[in-house]
Amino acid sequence: MSKKFIRIGRIFFVSILVLVMSGGLAGCGREPEEMFCLDSLGKTEAAGENKEETVGFTSGEIPVEESSPALIYVFVCGAVNQPGVVELPEGSRAEAGVVAAGGMREDADADYVNLAAPLTDGEKLYIPTAEEGMALEQGDAGGSGLVNINTADAALLCTLPGIGESRASDIIAYREKNGVFSRIEDLMKVPGIKEGAFGKLKDLITV
C-alpha cells in the first residue's frame, strides 16, 4: 500500500514538473520573439531618424563661387594726371578710364571727349588740352573748305572722293581707338586707305 502510494506520488510529481517546464519553455519562446520585435522596431525608428538627419544635411544649399568680371586694358593719355595703361571691368565708360588715370589735368578740354562712350580692350583714349580742343573745333568749323579728319562725322567724311559709309566708319573707329590724327598722312594708317587713295584726299583734308 505504501509502495503504491509512493509510486503514484512520483508519477504526480513528474507530471507537475513536466507541466511547469512546458509552461516555462513556452513563455521563454514568446519573450525572445517579443524582444526581437521591439528591438527591431527601435532599430527601424532609429534608422529612420538617422535617414532624416542625413537627408536634411545633404539637401542644404551648396555655396556657388561668384566669377570675377572680365577685364579690359585701355591706354589713357593726353591731358590726364597719370597717363598709362589702366585696368577696368568690361563695359566701362570713358569716364572710368579718365578716373583710373588720375583724372583730367587743369588744362584739359573736359567737354571734347564723350565720357559716356563705352571702352574696348586695347583702346587708346586721348584727352586733348583746351588749346588742342579749340584748334580741333576751329579746324572743323573753319572757312578753309577743308575737312578736318579729326572731328568730321561720317556724313562729312563721305563728301570726300573715294570715301563711302564703310570707309568713313573705319576712319571714325580708328580715331576713337587711337586718338586724333597728328598729321594728314596718318590717314593712311586706316585699313583700306593706301597711298593712291590718299593722293586724292591730301588737298581736301586737314587736322
N, C-alpha and C. Protein backbone atom coordinates (compact mmCIF):
# COMPACT_ATOMS: atom_id res chain seq x y z
N MET A 1 0.84 -1.20 0.00
CA MET A 1 0.00 0.00 0.00
C MET A 1 0.87 1.23 0.00
N SER A 2 1.82 1.18 0.80
CA SER A 2 2.72 2.33 0.88
C SER A 2 3.56 2.47 -0.38
N LYS A 3 3.97 1.32 -0.97
CA LYS A 3 4.76 1.38 -2.20
C LYS A 3 3.93 1.93 -3.35
N LYS A 4 2.69 1.51 -3.42
CA LYS A 4 1.81 2.02 -4.47
C LYS A 4 1.55 3.50 -4.30
N PHE A 5 1.44 3.92 -3.09
CA PHE A 5 1.21 5.35 -2.83
C PHE A 5 2.43 6.17 -3.22
N ILE A 6 3.58 5.60 -2.93
CA ILE A 6 4.83 6.30 -3.28
C ILE A 6 4.97 6.39 -4.79
N ARG A 7 4.60 5.32 -5.52
CA ARG A 7 4.71 5.32 -6.98
C ARG A 7 3.77 6.36 -7.58
N ILE A 8 2.57 6.42 -7.04
CA ILE A 8 1.59 7.40 -7.55
C ILE A 8 2.09 8.83 -7.28
N GLY A 9 2.68 9.01 -6.15
CA GLY A 9 3.21 10.34 -5.80
C GLY A 9 4.32 10.76 -6.74
N ARG A 10 5.15 9.75 -7.07
CA ARG A 10 6.23 10.08 -8.02
C ARG A 10 5.68 10.46 -9.39
N ILE A 11 4.68 9.67 -9.85
CA ILE A 11 4.07 9.99 -11.15
C ILE A 11 3.44 11.37 -11.13
N PHE A 12 2.77 11.69 -10.05
CA PHE A 12 2.13 13.00 -9.94
C PHE A 12 3.16 14.13 -9.91
N PHE A 13 4.26 13.88 -9.22
CA PHE A 13 5.32 14.87 -9.13
C PHE A 13 5.98 15.12 -10.49
N VAL A 14 6.21 14.02 -11.21
CA VAL A 14 6.82 14.13 -12.55
C VAL A 14 5.88 14.88 -13.50
N SER A 15 4.59 14.59 -13.40
CA SER A 15 3.61 15.27 -14.27
C SER A 15 3.60 16.78 -14.01
N ILE A 16 3.59 17.10 -12.72
CA ILE A 16 3.60 18.52 -12.36
C ILE A 16 4.87 19.19 -12.87
N LEU A 17 5.98 18.49 -12.76
CA LEU A 17 7.26 19.05 -13.20
C LEU A 17 7.28 19.27 -14.72
N VAL A 18 6.69 18.29 -15.45
CA VAL A 18 6.61 18.41 -16.92
C VAL A 18 5.76 19.59 -17.32
N LEU A 19 4.60 19.75 -16.64
CA LEU A 19 3.72 20.86 -16.94
C LEU A 19 4.40 22.21 -16.67
N VAL A 20 5.10 22.28 -15.58
CA VAL A 20 5.79 23.54 -15.22
C VAL A 20 6.86 23.88 -16.23
N MET A 21 7.63 22.83 -16.59
CA MET A 21 8.71 23.06 -17.56
C MET A 21 8.15 23.43 -18.92
N SER A 22 7.04 22.81 -19.32
CA SER A 22 6.42 23.14 -20.62
C SER A 22 5.94 24.58 -20.65
N GLY A 23 5.32 25.00 -19.57
CA GLY A 23 4.86 26.39 -19.50
C GLY A 23 5.99 27.38 -19.51
N GLY A 24 7.09 27.05 -18.85
CA GLY A 24 8.25 27.94 -18.82
C GLY A 24 8.89 28.08 -20.17
N LEU A 25 9.00 26.92 -20.86
CA LEU A 25 9.60 26.98 -22.20
C LEU A 25 8.74 27.79 -23.15
N ALA A 26 7.43 27.62 -23.05
CA ALA A 26 6.53 28.40 -23.93
C ALA A 26 6.67 29.89 -23.65
N GLY A 27 6.79 30.24 -22.38
CA GLY A 27 6.96 31.66 -22.04
C GLY A 27 8.26 32.20 -22.54
N CYS A 28 9.30 31.33 -22.41
CA CYS A 28 10.61 31.78 -22.91
C CYS A 28 10.59 31.93 -24.41
N GLY A 29 9.80 31.11 -25.09
CA GLY A 29 9.72 31.21 -26.55
C GLY A 29 9.05 32.47 -26.99
N ARG A 30 8.12 33.00 -26.23
CA ARG A 30 7.42 34.22 -26.62
C ARG A 30 8.25 35.45 -26.31
N GLU A 31 8.90 35.44 -25.17
CA GLU A 31 9.62 36.63 -24.75
C GLU A 31 10.74 37.03 -25.73
N PRO A 32 11.55 36.09 -26.18
CA PRO A 32 12.59 36.49 -27.16
C PRO A 32 11.99 37.06 -28.42
N GLU A 33 10.81 36.46 -28.85
CA GLU A 33 10.18 36.97 -30.08
C GLU A 33 9.71 38.40 -29.89
N GLU A 34 9.08 38.63 -28.70
CA GLU A 34 8.61 39.98 -28.44
C GLU A 34 9.77 40.94 -28.30
N MET A 35 10.83 40.49 -27.66
CA MET A 35 12.01 41.35 -27.52
C MET A 35 12.63 41.65 -28.87
N PHE A 36 12.62 40.62 -29.74
CA PHE A 36 13.17 40.81 -31.08
C PHE A 36 12.36 41.83 -31.86
N CYS A 37 11.03 41.72 -31.75
CA CYS A 37 10.17 42.67 -32.45
C CYS A 37 10.36 44.08 -31.93
N LEU A 38 10.42 44.21 -30.61
CA LEU A 38 10.63 45.54 -30.04
C LEU A 38 11.98 46.10 -30.42
N ASP A 39 13.00 45.24 -30.38
CA ASP A 39 14.35 45.68 -30.73
C ASP A 39 14.43 46.09 -32.19
N SER A 40 13.76 45.30 -33.07
CA SER A 40 13.75 45.63 -34.49
C SER A 40 13.05 46.94 -34.74
N LEU A 41 11.92 47.15 -34.02
CA LEU A 41 11.18 48.41 -34.17
C LEU A 41 12.03 49.58 -33.75
N GLY A 42 12.75 49.41 -32.64
CA GLY A 42 13.60 50.50 -32.17
C GLY A 42 14.69 50.82 -33.16
N LYS A 43 15.28 49.74 -33.72
CA LYS A 43 16.34 49.96 -34.71
C LYS A 43 15.78 50.63 -35.95
N THR A 44 14.57 50.20 -36.37
CA THR A 44 13.94 50.79 -37.55
C THR A 44 13.68 52.27 -37.35
N GLU A 45 13.13 52.60 -36.16
CA GLU A 45 12.87 54.01 -35.88
C GLU A 45 14.16 54.80 -35.82
N ALA A 46 15.19 54.21 -35.21
CA ALA A 46 16.49 54.89 -35.13
C ALA A 46 17.06 55.10 -36.51
N ALA A 47 16.91 54.06 -37.37
CA ALA A 47 17.41 54.19 -38.74
C ALA A 47 16.67 55.28 -39.48
N GLY A 48 15.34 55.38 -39.25
CA GLY A 48 14.55 56.44 -39.88
C GLY A 48 15.00 57.81 -39.45
N GLU A 49 15.30 57.94 -38.13
CA GLU A 49 15.78 59.23 -37.63
C GLU A 49 17.10 59.60 -38.27
N ASN A 50 18.02 58.62 -38.36
CA ASN A 50 19.32 58.90 -38.98
C ASN A 50 19.16 59.26 -40.44
N LYS A 51 18.21 58.58 -41.11
CA LYS A 51 17.98 58.87 -42.52
C LYS A 51 17.48 60.28 -42.72
N GLU A 52 16.55 60.71 -41.84
CA GLU A 52 16.03 62.06 -41.94
C GLU A 52 17.12 63.08 -41.70
N GLU A 53 17.98 62.79 -40.72
CA GLU A 53 19.08 63.71 -40.45
C GLU A 53 20.02 63.79 -41.64
N THR A 54 20.29 62.62 -42.25
CA THR A 54 21.20 62.60 -43.40
C THR A 54 20.61 63.37 -44.57
N VAL A 55 19.30 63.14 -44.83
CA VAL A 55 18.64 63.85 -45.92
C VAL A 55 18.67 65.34 -45.68
N GLY A 56 18.43 65.74 -44.43
CA GLY A 56 18.45 67.17 -44.12
C GLY A 56 19.81 67.77 -44.36
N PHE A 57 20.87 67.02 -44.13
CA PHE A 57 22.23 67.54 -44.30
C PHE A 57 22.58 67.70 -45.78
N THR A 58 22.22 66.66 -46.56
CA THR A 58 22.61 66.69 -47.98
C THR A 58 21.74 67.62 -48.81
N SER A 59 20.55 67.98 -48.28
CA SER A 59 19.68 68.85 -49.06
C SER A 59 19.97 70.32 -48.83
N GLY A 60 21.00 70.64 -48.06
CA GLY A 60 21.35 72.04 -47.83
C GLY A 60 21.89 72.69 -49.09
N GLU A 61 21.86 73.99 -49.14
CA GLU A 61 22.34 74.72 -50.29
C GLU A 61 23.85 74.63 -50.40
N ILE A 62 24.33 74.45 -51.61
CA ILE A 62 25.77 74.38 -51.86
C ILE A 62 26.23 75.77 -52.29
N PRO A 63 27.17 76.36 -51.59
CA PRO A 63 27.61 77.71 -51.96
C PRO A 63 28.21 77.73 -53.36
N VAL A 64 27.83 78.76 -54.13
CA VAL A 64 28.32 78.91 -55.50
C VAL A 64 29.33 80.04 -55.55
N GLU A 65 30.47 79.76 -56.08
CA GLU A 65 31.53 80.77 -56.16
C GLU A 65 31.23 81.73 -57.30
N GLU A 66 31.21 83.01 -56.99
CA GLU A 66 30.93 84.02 -58.00
C GLU A 66 32.16 84.25 -58.87
N SER A 67 31.92 84.30 -60.16
CA SER A 67 33.03 84.50 -61.09
C SER A 67 33.40 85.98 -61.16
N SER A 68 34.65 86.26 -61.35
CA SER A 68 35.12 87.64 -61.44
C SER A 68 34.76 88.21 -62.81
N PRO A 69 34.44 89.52 -62.88
CA PRO A 69 34.11 90.12 -64.18
C PRO A 69 35.33 90.17 -65.09
N ALA A 70 35.09 90.13 -66.39
CA ALA A 70 36.18 90.21 -67.36
C ALA A 70 36.80 91.60 -67.30
N LEU A 71 38.08 91.67 -67.61
CA LEU A 71 38.81 92.94 -67.55
C LEU A 71 39.25 93.38 -68.94
N ILE A 72 39.38 94.69 -69.11
CA ILE A 72 39.92 95.25 -70.33
C ILE A 72 41.07 96.19 -69.96
N TYR A 73 41.94 96.44 -70.92
CA TYR A 73 43.08 97.32 -70.69
C TYR A 73 43.04 98.45 -71.71
N VAL A 74 43.08 99.68 -71.20
CA VAL A 74 42.93 100.87 -72.03
C VAL A 74 44.11 101.80 -71.79
N PHE A 75 44.64 102.35 -72.88
CA PHE A 75 45.73 103.33 -72.77
C PHE A 75 45.13 104.72 -72.73
N VAL A 76 45.18 105.34 -71.55
CA VAL A 76 44.64 106.70 -71.37
C VAL A 76 45.81 107.68 -71.39
N CYS A 77 45.76 108.63 -72.30
CA CYS A 77 46.88 109.56 -72.44
C CYS A 77 46.36 110.96 -72.74
N GLY A 78 47.29 111.90 -72.93
CA GLY A 78 46.91 113.28 -73.16
C GLY A 78 46.89 114.06 -71.86
N ALA A 79 45.89 114.91 -71.70
CA ALA A 79 45.82 115.82 -70.55
C ALA A 79 45.19 115.13 -69.34
N VAL A 80 45.87 114.07 -68.86
CA VAL A 80 45.44 113.39 -67.63
C VAL A 80 46.62 113.38 -66.66
N ASN A 81 46.33 113.21 -65.38
CA ASN A 81 47.38 113.30 -64.37
C ASN A 81 48.32 112.10 -64.35
N GLN A 82 47.81 110.94 -64.68
CA GLN A 82 48.64 109.73 -64.64
C GLN A 82 48.42 108.91 -65.92
N PRO A 83 48.95 109.39 -67.04
CA PRO A 83 48.74 108.66 -68.30
C PRO A 83 49.38 107.28 -68.25
N GLY A 84 48.74 106.34 -68.92
CA GLY A 84 49.26 104.98 -68.96
C GLY A 84 48.14 103.98 -69.19
N VAL A 85 48.49 102.70 -69.13
CA VAL A 85 47.52 101.63 -69.33
C VAL A 85 46.78 101.38 -68.01
N VAL A 86 45.47 101.39 -68.06
CA VAL A 86 44.65 101.16 -66.87
C VAL A 86 43.83 99.88 -67.06
N GLU A 87 43.53 99.25 -65.95
CA GLU A 87 42.75 98.01 -65.94
C GLU A 87 41.34 98.33 -65.48
N LEU A 88 40.34 97.95 -66.29
CA LEU A 88 38.95 98.29 -65.99
C LEU A 88 38.05 97.08 -66.22
N PRO A 89 36.91 97.02 -65.54
CA PRO A 89 35.94 95.95 -65.82
C PRO A 89 35.36 96.12 -67.22
N GLU A 90 35.07 95.01 -67.86
CA GLU A 90 34.48 95.07 -69.20
C GLU A 90 33.16 95.83 -69.15
N GLY A 91 32.93 96.69 -70.16
CA GLY A 91 31.73 97.50 -70.20
C GLY A 91 31.90 98.88 -69.59
N SER A 92 33.11 99.22 -69.14
CA SER A 92 33.36 100.54 -68.54
C SER A 92 33.24 101.65 -69.58
N ARG A 93 32.97 102.86 -69.10
CA ARG A 93 32.85 104.04 -69.97
C ARG A 93 34.14 104.86 -69.91
N ALA A 94 34.22 105.82 -70.82
CA ALA A 94 35.42 106.65 -70.90
C ALA A 94 35.68 107.39 -69.59
N GLU A 95 34.62 107.75 -68.89
CA GLU A 95 34.78 108.46 -67.62
C GLU A 95 35.58 107.62 -66.62
N ALA A 96 35.30 106.29 -66.59
CA ALA A 96 36.02 105.40 -65.68
C ALA A 96 37.50 105.34 -66.05
N GLY A 97 37.79 105.39 -67.35
CA GLY A 97 39.18 105.39 -67.78
C GLY A 97 39.91 106.64 -67.34
N VAL A 98 39.25 107.78 -67.43
CA VAL A 98 39.86 109.04 -67.01
C VAL A 98 40.11 109.04 -65.50
N VAL A 99 39.15 108.54 -64.75
CA VAL A 99 39.30 108.47 -63.28
C VAL A 99 40.47 107.56 -62.91
N ALA A 100 40.57 106.41 -63.60
CA ALA A 100 41.66 105.47 -63.33
C ALA A 100 43.02 106.06 -63.66
N ALA A 101 43.05 107.02 -64.56
CA ALA A 101 44.30 107.68 -64.94
C ALA A 101 44.56 108.93 -64.10
N GLY A 102 43.90 109.05 -62.98
CA GLY A 102 44.15 110.17 -62.07
C GLY A 102 43.32 111.40 -62.34
N GLY A 103 42.37 111.33 -63.28
CA GLY A 103 41.54 112.48 -63.60
C GLY A 103 42.20 113.41 -64.61
N MET A 104 41.43 114.36 -65.09
CA MET A 104 41.95 115.31 -66.08
C MET A 104 42.81 116.39 -65.43
N ARG A 105 43.78 116.85 -66.19
CA ARG A 105 44.57 117.99 -65.73
C ARG A 105 43.75 119.27 -65.83
N GLU A 106 44.25 120.32 -65.23
CA GLU A 106 43.53 121.59 -65.24
C GLU A 106 43.43 122.17 -66.65
N ASP A 107 44.40 121.83 -67.52
CA ASP A 107 44.37 122.39 -68.86
C ASP A 107 43.64 121.49 -69.86
N ALA A 108 42.96 120.46 -69.38
CA ALA A 108 42.26 119.52 -70.27
C ALA A 108 40.96 120.14 -70.78
N ASP A 109 40.57 119.72 -71.98
CA ASP A 109 39.28 120.11 -72.54
C ASP A 109 38.27 119.06 -72.10
N ALA A 110 37.59 119.34 -71.00
CA ALA A 110 36.69 118.35 -70.39
C ALA A 110 35.47 118.05 -71.25
N ASP A 111 35.13 118.93 -72.18
CA ASP A 111 33.92 118.75 -72.98
C ASP A 111 34.19 118.14 -74.35
N TYR A 112 35.45 117.94 -74.69
CA TYR A 112 35.75 117.48 -76.04
C TYR A 112 35.48 115.98 -76.20
N VAL A 113 35.84 115.20 -75.20
CA VAL A 113 35.69 113.75 -75.28
C VAL A 113 34.33 113.34 -74.69
N ASN A 114 33.69 112.41 -75.36
CA ASN A 114 32.42 111.87 -74.87
C ASN A 114 32.71 110.87 -73.76
N LEU A 115 32.53 111.31 -72.51
CA LEU A 115 32.86 110.47 -71.36
C LEU A 115 31.88 109.31 -71.17
N ALA A 116 30.77 109.35 -71.88
CA ALA A 116 29.79 108.26 -71.77
C ALA A 116 30.05 107.15 -72.78
N ALA A 117 31.05 107.33 -73.64
CA ALA A 117 31.34 106.33 -74.68
C ALA A 117 31.90 105.05 -74.05
N PRO A 118 31.45 103.88 -74.50
CA PRO A 118 31.98 102.62 -73.95
C PRO A 118 33.41 102.37 -74.43
N LEU A 119 34.20 101.73 -73.59
CA LEU A 119 35.59 101.43 -73.91
C LEU A 119 35.73 99.97 -74.31
N THR A 120 36.73 99.70 -75.15
CA THR A 120 37.02 98.33 -75.57
C THR A 120 38.46 97.98 -75.21
N ASP A 121 38.72 96.69 -75.15
CA ASP A 121 40.05 96.22 -74.78
C ASP A 121 41.08 96.67 -75.83
N GLY A 122 42.18 97.26 -75.35
CA GLY A 122 43.25 97.72 -76.24
C GLY A 122 43.03 99.11 -76.81
N GLU A 123 42.00 99.79 -76.38
CA GLU A 123 41.69 101.12 -76.92
C GLU A 123 42.65 102.18 -76.38
N LYS A 124 42.84 103.23 -77.19
CA LYS A 124 43.61 104.39 -76.77
C LYS A 124 42.64 105.56 -76.57
N LEU A 125 42.60 106.08 -75.34
CA LEU A 125 41.71 107.20 -75.01
C LEU A 125 42.56 108.46 -74.84
N TYR A 126 42.40 109.39 -75.78
CA TYR A 126 43.22 110.61 -75.75
C TYR A 126 42.36 111.78 -75.29
N ILE A 127 42.88 112.51 -74.27
CA ILE A 127 42.20 113.70 -73.75
C ILE A 127 43.00 114.93 -74.20
N PRO A 128 42.45 115.75 -75.08
CA PRO A 128 43.19 116.92 -75.55
C PRO A 128 43.19 118.04 -74.51
N THR A 129 44.13 118.94 -74.64
CA THR A 129 44.13 120.15 -73.80
C THR A 129 43.08 121.11 -74.34
N ALA A 130 42.79 122.14 -73.57
CA ALA A 130 41.81 123.13 -74.01
C ALA A 130 42.27 123.78 -75.31
N GLU A 131 43.57 124.03 -75.44
CA GLU A 131 44.11 124.63 -76.66
C GLU A 131 43.96 123.69 -77.85
N GLU A 132 44.26 122.41 -77.62
CA GLU A 132 44.12 121.44 -78.69
C GLU A 132 42.66 121.28 -79.10
N GLY A 133 41.78 121.25 -78.10
CA GLY A 133 40.37 121.11 -78.40
C GLY A 133 39.83 122.28 -79.19
N MET A 134 40.27 123.47 -78.86
CA MET A 134 39.84 124.66 -79.59
C MET A 134 40.32 124.62 -81.03
N ALA A 135 41.57 124.21 -81.20
CA ALA A 135 42.12 124.13 -82.55
C ALA A 135 41.36 123.10 -83.39
N LEU A 136 41.03 121.99 -82.76
CA LEU A 136 40.28 120.96 -83.47
C LEU A 136 38.90 121.46 -83.87
N GLU A 137 38.23 122.17 -82.97
CA GLU A 137 36.90 122.69 -83.27
C GLU A 137 36.95 123.78 -84.34
N GLN A 138 37.96 124.62 -84.27
CA GLN A 138 38.11 125.67 -85.28
C GLN A 138 38.41 125.08 -86.65
N GLY A 139 39.21 124.05 -86.65
CA GLY A 139 39.52 123.40 -87.92
C GLY A 139 38.30 122.78 -88.55
N ASP A 140 37.41 122.26 -87.71
CA ASP A 140 36.20 121.65 -88.24
C ASP A 140 35.23 122.70 -88.75
N ALA A 141 35.18 123.86 -88.07
CA ALA A 141 34.20 124.88 -88.44
C ALA A 141 34.82 126.00 -89.27
N GLY A 142 36.11 125.89 -89.59
CA GLY A 142 36.77 126.97 -90.32
C GLY A 142 36.27 127.12 -91.73
N GLY A 143 36.62 128.25 -92.36
CA GLY A 143 36.15 128.55 -93.71
C GLY A 143 37.15 128.15 -94.77
N SER A 144 38.08 127.26 -94.43
CA SER A 144 39.08 126.87 -95.42
C SER A 144 38.52 125.92 -96.46
N GLY A 145 37.38 125.32 -96.15
CA GLY A 145 36.79 124.37 -97.08
C GLY A 145 37.39 122.98 -96.94
N LEU A 146 38.36 122.81 -96.05
CA LEU A 146 38.99 121.52 -95.84
C LEU A 146 38.22 120.72 -94.78
N VAL A 147 38.22 119.42 -94.94
CA VAL A 147 37.53 118.55 -93.98
C VAL A 147 38.53 118.12 -92.92
N ASN A 148 38.20 118.40 -91.66
CA ASN A 148 39.06 118.01 -90.56
C ASN A 148 38.80 116.54 -90.24
N ILE A 149 39.78 115.71 -90.51
CA ILE A 149 39.59 114.27 -90.32
C ILE A 149 39.57 113.87 -88.84
N ASN A 150 39.87 114.81 -87.95
CA ASN A 150 39.83 114.52 -86.52
C ASN A 150 38.45 114.76 -85.92
N THR A 151 37.65 115.59 -86.55
CA THR A 151 36.36 115.96 -85.96
C THR A 151 35.17 115.70 -86.88
N ALA A 152 35.42 115.46 -88.15
CA ALA A 152 34.32 115.28 -89.10
C ALA A 152 33.52 114.03 -88.78
N ASP A 153 32.20 114.14 -88.92
CA ASP A 153 31.36 112.96 -88.71
C ASP A 153 31.29 112.14 -90.00
N ALA A 154 30.57 111.05 -89.98
CA ALA A 154 30.52 110.15 -91.12
C ALA A 154 29.96 110.83 -92.37
N ALA A 155 28.94 111.66 -92.18
CA ALA A 155 28.31 112.33 -93.32
C ALA A 155 29.30 113.27 -94.02
N LEU A 156 30.10 114.02 -93.22
CA LEU A 156 31.07 114.95 -93.81
C LEU A 156 32.21 114.19 -94.48
N LEU A 157 32.65 113.11 -93.87
CA LEU A 157 33.72 112.30 -94.46
C LEU A 157 33.30 111.71 -95.80
N CYS A 158 32.02 111.39 -95.92
CA CYS A 158 31.52 110.80 -97.16
C CYS A 158 31.50 111.80 -98.32
N THR A 159 31.72 113.06 -98.04
CA THR A 159 31.79 114.05 -99.13
C THR A 159 33.15 114.02 -99.83
N LEU A 160 34.11 113.34 -99.24
CA LEU A 160 35.45 113.23 -99.82
C LEU A 160 35.45 112.16 -100.91
N PRO A 161 36.25 112.35 -101.96
CA PRO A 161 36.30 111.38 -103.05
C PRO A 161 36.85 110.02 -102.59
N GLY A 162 36.14 108.96 -102.95
CA GLY A 162 36.57 107.61 -102.60
C GLY A 162 36.23 107.17 -101.19
N ILE A 163 35.53 108.02 -100.44
CA ILE A 163 35.16 107.68 -99.06
C ILE A 163 33.65 107.42 -99.01
N GLY A 164 33.30 106.17 -98.76
CA GLY A 164 31.90 105.81 -98.59
C GLY A 164 31.57 105.62 -97.12
N GLU A 165 30.38 105.08 -96.86
CA GLU A 165 29.96 104.91 -95.47
C GLU A 165 30.88 103.94 -94.71
N SER A 166 31.28 102.86 -95.38
CA SER A 166 32.14 101.88 -94.73
C SER A 166 33.50 102.46 -94.39
N ARG A 167 34.11 103.18 -95.34
CA ARG A 167 35.43 103.76 -95.10
C ARG A 167 35.34 104.88 -94.07
N ALA A 168 34.25 105.66 -94.07
CA ALA A 168 34.06 106.71 -93.07
C ALA A 168 33.98 106.10 -91.67
N SER A 169 33.28 104.96 -91.56
CA SER A 169 33.18 104.28 -90.27
C SER A 169 34.55 103.79 -89.81
N ASP A 170 35.38 103.35 -90.77
CA ASP A 170 36.74 102.90 -90.42
C ASP A 170 37.58 104.06 -89.88
N ILE A 171 37.43 105.23 -90.50
CA ILE A 171 38.18 106.40 -90.05
C ILE A 171 37.78 106.79 -88.63
N ILE A 172 36.47 106.80 -88.37
CA ILE A 172 35.99 107.18 -87.04
C ILE A 172 36.41 106.14 -86.00
N ALA A 173 36.33 104.85 -86.36
CA ALA A 173 36.73 103.79 -85.42
C ALA A 173 38.21 103.89 -85.09
N TYR A 174 39.04 104.17 -86.10
CA TYR A 174 40.48 104.32 -85.86
C TYR A 174 40.74 105.53 -84.96
N ARG A 175 40.02 106.60 -85.20
CA ARG A 175 40.18 107.82 -84.41
C ARG A 175 39.79 107.61 -82.95
N GLU A 176 38.70 106.88 -82.74
CA GLU A 176 38.24 106.62 -81.37
C GLU A 176 39.20 105.70 -80.62
N LYS A 177 39.81 104.78 -81.34
CA LYS A 177 40.71 103.82 -80.70
C LYS A 177 42.09 104.39 -80.45
N ASN A 178 42.60 105.20 -81.38
CA ASN A 178 43.99 105.65 -81.30
C ASN A 178 44.16 107.13 -81.00
N GLY A 179 43.06 107.86 -80.92
CA GLY A 179 43.17 109.29 -80.68
C GLY A 179 43.21 110.08 -81.99
N VAL A 180 43.37 111.37 -81.88
CA VAL A 180 43.32 112.24 -83.06
C VAL A 180 44.54 112.01 -83.96
N PHE A 181 44.36 112.30 -85.24
CA PHE A 181 45.47 112.22 -86.18
C PHE A 181 46.43 113.39 -85.95
N SER A 182 47.70 113.10 -85.88
CA SER A 182 48.70 114.15 -85.68
C SER A 182 48.98 114.90 -86.98
N ARG A 183 48.88 114.22 -88.10
CA ARG A 183 49.10 114.82 -89.42
C ARG A 183 48.21 114.10 -90.43
N ILE A 184 47.99 114.72 -91.56
CA ILE A 184 47.05 114.12 -92.52
C ILE A 184 47.58 112.80 -93.07
N GLU A 185 48.91 112.65 -93.12
CA GLU A 185 49.48 111.39 -93.62
C GLU A 185 49.10 110.18 -92.75
N ASP A 186 48.72 110.43 -91.49
CA ASP A 186 48.32 109.34 -90.61
C ASP A 186 47.04 108.68 -91.09
N LEU A 187 46.33 109.32 -92.01
CA LEU A 187 45.10 108.74 -92.54
C LEU A 187 45.38 107.41 -93.24
N MET A 188 46.62 107.27 -93.75
CA MET A 188 46.98 106.02 -94.43
C MET A 188 47.14 104.85 -93.45
N LYS A 189 47.07 105.13 -92.16
CA LYS A 189 47.11 104.06 -91.17
C LYS A 189 45.75 103.37 -91.04
N VAL A 190 44.72 104.00 -91.60
CA VAL A 190 43.38 103.41 -91.57
C VAL A 190 43.33 102.29 -92.61
N PRO A 191 42.87 101.10 -92.23
CA PRO A 191 42.80 99.99 -93.18
C PRO A 191 42.00 100.38 -94.43
N GLY A 192 42.57 100.12 -95.59
CA GLY A 192 41.88 100.38 -96.85
C GLY A 192 42.25 101.69 -97.51
N ILE A 193 42.96 102.55 -96.79
CA ILE A 193 43.38 103.83 -97.38
C ILE A 193 44.88 103.75 -97.66
N LYS A 194 45.21 103.57 -98.94
CA LYS A 194 46.60 103.45 -99.35
C LYS A 194 47.08 104.77 -99.96
N GLU A 195 48.28 104.76 -100.46
CA GLU A 195 48.89 105.99 -100.97
C GLU A 195 48.11 106.57 -102.14
N GLY A 196 47.58 105.70 -103.01
CA GLY A 196 46.82 106.19 -104.17
C GLY A 196 45.57 106.93 -103.73
N ALA A 197 44.81 106.34 -102.76
CA ALA A 197 43.60 106.99 -102.27
C ALA A 197 43.94 108.26 -101.51
N PHE A 198 45.04 108.24 -100.76
CA PHE A 198 45.44 109.44 -100.01
C PHE A 198 45.80 110.57 -100.96
N GLY A 199 46.40 110.25 -102.11
CA GLY A 199 46.76 111.29 -103.07
C GLY A 199 45.55 112.10 -103.54
N LYS A 200 44.38 111.47 -103.56
CA LYS A 200 43.17 112.16 -103.98
C LYS A 200 42.56 112.99 -102.83
N LEU A 201 43.01 112.72 -101.61
CA LEU A 201 42.42 113.38 -100.44
C LEU A 201 43.29 114.44 -99.80
N LYS A 202 44.58 114.39 -100.02
CA LYS A 202 45.51 115.22 -99.25
C LYS A 202 45.27 116.71 -99.39
N ASP A 203 44.72 117.16 -100.51
CA ASP A 203 44.48 118.59 -100.69
C ASP A 203 43.11 119.00 -100.19
N LEU A 204 42.36 118.04 -99.67
CA LEU A 204 40.98 118.32 -99.23
C LEU A 204 40.77 118.13 -97.75
N ILE A 205 41.83 117.72 -97.06
CA ILE A 205 41.68 117.41 -95.63
C ILE A 205 42.68 118.17 -94.79
N THR A 206 42.39 118.22 -93.49
CA THR A 206 43.29 118.89 -92.54
C THR A 206 43.15 118.20 -91.19
N VAL A 207 44.02 118.56 -90.23
CA VAL A 207 43.93 118.06 -88.87
C VAL A 207 43.90 119.23 -87.90
